[in-house]
Amino acid sequence: MFRLYDLDAQPLGALPPIDVAICSDVFEHLRHPARALSARAQALAADGVLLSHVPNEYGLARTLGVMLGRRETTQFHAGAHERDDPYLRRCTDRGYRAFLEQAFANNNRSTPLRYRRPARWLSRCGLEPPYFLQGGPTCASANSPAAAQRLRAALSAIGLRGA
């Protein structure tokens, strides 16, 4: 079953426990992201999983352009001026993981799935790419230790280190 909700305004209501919830490029737009995160955690089945992502708006070239006064901060919404940007929050990898830890005991980072060429090359060399080369934090979160172990195994099976 698939359902679509306004996470800032709608309670989930009476639903059977959810096995997988996906919030990709969602939390940065919400007025109350912690409330929405908590509601997602409570709606999950005992071994349910949240798959989530927020974009990285701190790429090196973009950040330098903003610092030098050559561009606005709006990155993903062409034609929108920064004063009208629908992004209410910006997240670093560290900040996003701290956010997820408010509701989930196990957060497996799978950010390399969104690496571009320079970051993929560094990763293949065994080096952690700097955040300004990454596509933004992507995590698979669970409260069940068994579900967390399955997530780590799945990430490992596709060549990622679940952190």
Protein backbone atom coordinates (compact mmCIF):
# COMPACT_ATOMS: atom_id res chain seq x y z
CA MET A 1 0.00 0.00 0.00
CA PHE A 2 1.27 3.48 -0.86
CA ARG A 3 0.12 6.61 0.94
CA LEU A 4 1.09 10.25 0.51
CA TYR A 5 0.95 12.65 3.48
CA ASP A 6 1.69 16.27 4.30
CA LEU A 7 4.19 15.48 7.07
CA ASP A 8 3.93 18.94 8.62
CA ALA A 9 0.15 19.04 8.81
CA GLN A 10 -1.32 15.53 8.80
CA PRO A 11 -1.11 12.90 11.50
CA LEU A 12 -0.66 9.43 10.06
CA GLY A 13 -3.89 8.26 11.60
CA ALA A 14 -4.70 4.61 12.08
CA LEU A 15 -2.45 2.57 9.83
CA PRO A 16 -1.11 -0.92 10.12
CA PRO A 17 2.60 -0.92 11.08
CA ILE A 18 4.76 0.20 8.17
CA ASP A 19 7.65 -1.99 7.00
CA VAL A 20 9.50 0.68 5.01
CA ALA A 21 9.07 4.46 5.00
CA ILE A 22 10.91 6.57 2.44
CA CYS A 23 11.63 10.26 3.03
CA SER A 24 13.95 11.36 0.25
CA ASP A 25 14.53 15.10 0.03
CA VAL A 26 11.73 15.76 2.53
CA PHE A 27 12.95 16.82 5.97
CA GLU A 28 14.72 19.97 4.74
CA HIS A 29 11.35 21.38 3.63
CA LEU A 30 9.42 20.81 6.87
CA ARG A 31 8.60 23.35 9.57
CA HIS A 32 8.63 20.57 12.19
CA PRO A 33 11.07 17.90 11.00
CA ALA A 34 11.68 16.36 14.44
CA ARG A 35 7.93 15.83 14.91
CA ALA A 36 7.67 14.20 11.48
CA LEU A 37 10.70 12.00 12.20
CA SER A 38 9.23 10.84 15.51
CA ALA A 39 5.90 10.06 13.83
CA ARG A 40 7.68 7.99 11.16
CA ALA A 41 9.58 6.05 13.83
CA GLN A 42 6.37 5.35 15.77
CA ALA A 43 4.51 4.24 12.63
CA LEU A 44 7.13 1.63 11.69
CA ALA A 45 6.72 -2.06 12.43
CA ALA A 46 9.04 -3.42 15.14
CA ASP A 47 11.64 -4.29 12.49
CA GLY A 48 10.68 -1.46 10.12
CA VAL A 49 13.14 0.75 8.29
CA LEU A 50 13.29 4.42 7.31
CA LEU A 51 15.20 5.21 4.13
CA SER A 52 16.02 8.90 4.00
CA HIS A 53 18.13 11.48 2.23
CA VAL A 54 18.71 15.22 2.28
CA PRO A 55 20.77 17.07 -0.34
CA ASN A 56 24.20 18.53 0.27
CA GLU A 57 24.08 22.23 -0.41
CA TYR A 58 27.70 22.71 0.66
CA GLY A 59 29.50 21.74 -2.54
CA LEU A 60 32.84 23.50 -2.87
CA ALA A 61 32.18 25.48 -6.07
CA ARG A 62 28.70 26.56 -4.96
CA THR A 63 29.84 27.55 -1.47
CA LEU A 64 32.76 29.55 -2.84
CA GLY A 65 30.42 31.27 -5.29
CA VAL A 66 28.11 32.29 -2.43
CA MET A 67 31.05 33.42 -0.27
CA LEU A 68 32.43 35.54 -3.13
CA GLY A 69 29.03 37.10 -3.79
CA ARG A 70 28.71 35.58 -7.26
CA ARG A 71 25.60 33.44 -6.71
CA GLU A 72 22.55 33.07 -4.51
CA THR A 73 22.18 30.19 -2.10
CA THR A 74 19.38 28.54 -4.07
CA GLN A 75 20.73 25.37 -5.60
CA PHE A 76 18.00 22.94 -6.57
CA HIS A 77 15.07 25.14 -7.56
CA ALA A 78 15.91 26.89 -10.81
CA GLY A 79 14.34 30.29 -11.14
CA ALA A 80 13.60 30.67 -7.43
CA HIS A 81 15.38 33.49 -5.68
CA GLU A 82 16.94 32.61 -2.34
CA ARG A 83 14.26 34.60 -0.50
CA ASP A 84 11.66 32.22 -2.00
CA ASP A 85 13.70 29.03 -1.57
CA PRO A 86 11.48 26.19 -0.29
CA TYR A 87 14.40 24.80 1.73
CA LEU A 88 13.80 25.65 5.37
CA ARG A 89 16.85 23.72 6.60
CA ARG A 90 20.27 22.76 5.39
CA CYS A 91 22.03 19.67 6.69
CA THR A 92 25.56 18.45 6.92
CA ASP A 93 26.25 14.74 7.18
CA ARG A 94 27.03 15.08 10.89
CA GLY A 95 23.96 17.22 11.57
CA TYR A 96 21.64 14.90 9.68
CA ARG A 97 22.87 11.85 11.54
CA ALA A 98 22.37 13.66 14.87
CA PHE A 99 18.83 14.49 13.72
CA LEU A 100 18.11 10.82 12.91
CA GLU A 101 19.53 9.72 16.27
CA GLN A 102 16.65 11.57 17.96
CA ALA A 103 14.32 8.76 16.86
CA PHE A 104 16.48 5.85 15.65
CA ALA A 105 19.11 3.83 17.50
CA ASN A 106 20.71 2.48 14.30
CA ASN A 107 21.54 4.70 11.34
CA ASN A 108 23.43 3.08 8.49
CA ARG A 109 25.00 5.59 6.16
CA SER A 110 24.70 4.73 2.48
CA THR A 111 25.73 8.12 1.09
CA PRO A 112 28.18 6.63 -1.45
CA LEU A 113 25.18 5.58 -3.53
CA ARG A 114 24.99 9.23 -4.61
CA TYR A 115 28.68 9.97 -5.15
CA ARG A 116 29.73 11.68 -8.33
CA ARG A 117 32.91 10.80 -10.21
CA PRO A 118 35.62 12.49 -8.04
CA ALA A 119 34.08 11.17 -4.82
CA ARG A 120 33.66 7.67 -6.29
CA TRP A 121 37.33 7.68 -7.31
CA LEU A 122 38.49 8.66 -3.81
CA SER A 123 36.19 6.08 -2.28
CA ARG A 124 37.57 3.33 -4.53
CA CYS A 125 41.05 4.31 -3.34
CA GLY A 126 39.90 3.67 0.23
CA LEU A 127 39.65 7.37 1.13
CA GLU A 128 36.62 9.08 2.61
CA PRO A 129 35.62 11.84 0.18
CA PRO A 130 35.30 15.28 1.77
CA TYR A 131 31.73 16.38 2.35
CA PHE A 132 31.90 19.04 -0.36
CA LEU A 133 32.19 16.21 -2.94
CA GLN A 134 29.33 14.14 -1.57
CA GLY A 135 25.72 14.19 -2.75
CA GLY A 136 24.26 14.56 0.73
CA PRO A 137 23.57 12.22 3.61
CA THR A 138 21.58 9.10 2.77
CA CYS A 139 20.72 6.74 5.62
CA ALA A 140 18.84 3.55 6.35
CA SER A 141 17.53 3.79 9.92
CA ALA A 142 15.98 1.23 12.26
CA ASN A 143 15.37 0.72 15.95
CA SER A 144 15.51 -3.06 15.82
CA PRO A 145 19.05 -4.51 16.17
CA ALA A 146 18.04 -7.35 13.81
CA ALA A 147 16.82 -4.89 11.16
CA ALA A 148 20.01 -2.85 11.58
CA GLN A 149 22.09 -5.99 11.02
CA ARG A 150 20.12 -6.81 7.85
CA LEU A 151 20.69 -3.25 6.62
CA ARG A 152 24.45 -3.52 7.22
CA ALA A 153 24.52 -6.86 5.39
CA ALA A 154 22.57 -5.41 2.45
CA LEU A 155 24.90 -2.41 2.21
CA SER A 156 27.91 -4.70 2.39
CA ALA A 157 26.46 -6.92 -0.36
CA ILE A 158 26.45 -3.96 -2.74
CA GLY A 159 29.93 -2.87 -1.72
CA LEU A 160 29.16 -0.17 0.83
CA ARG A 161 30.36 0.10 4.38
CA GLY A 162 27.33 0.69 6.58
CA ALA A 163 28.47 3.23 9.14
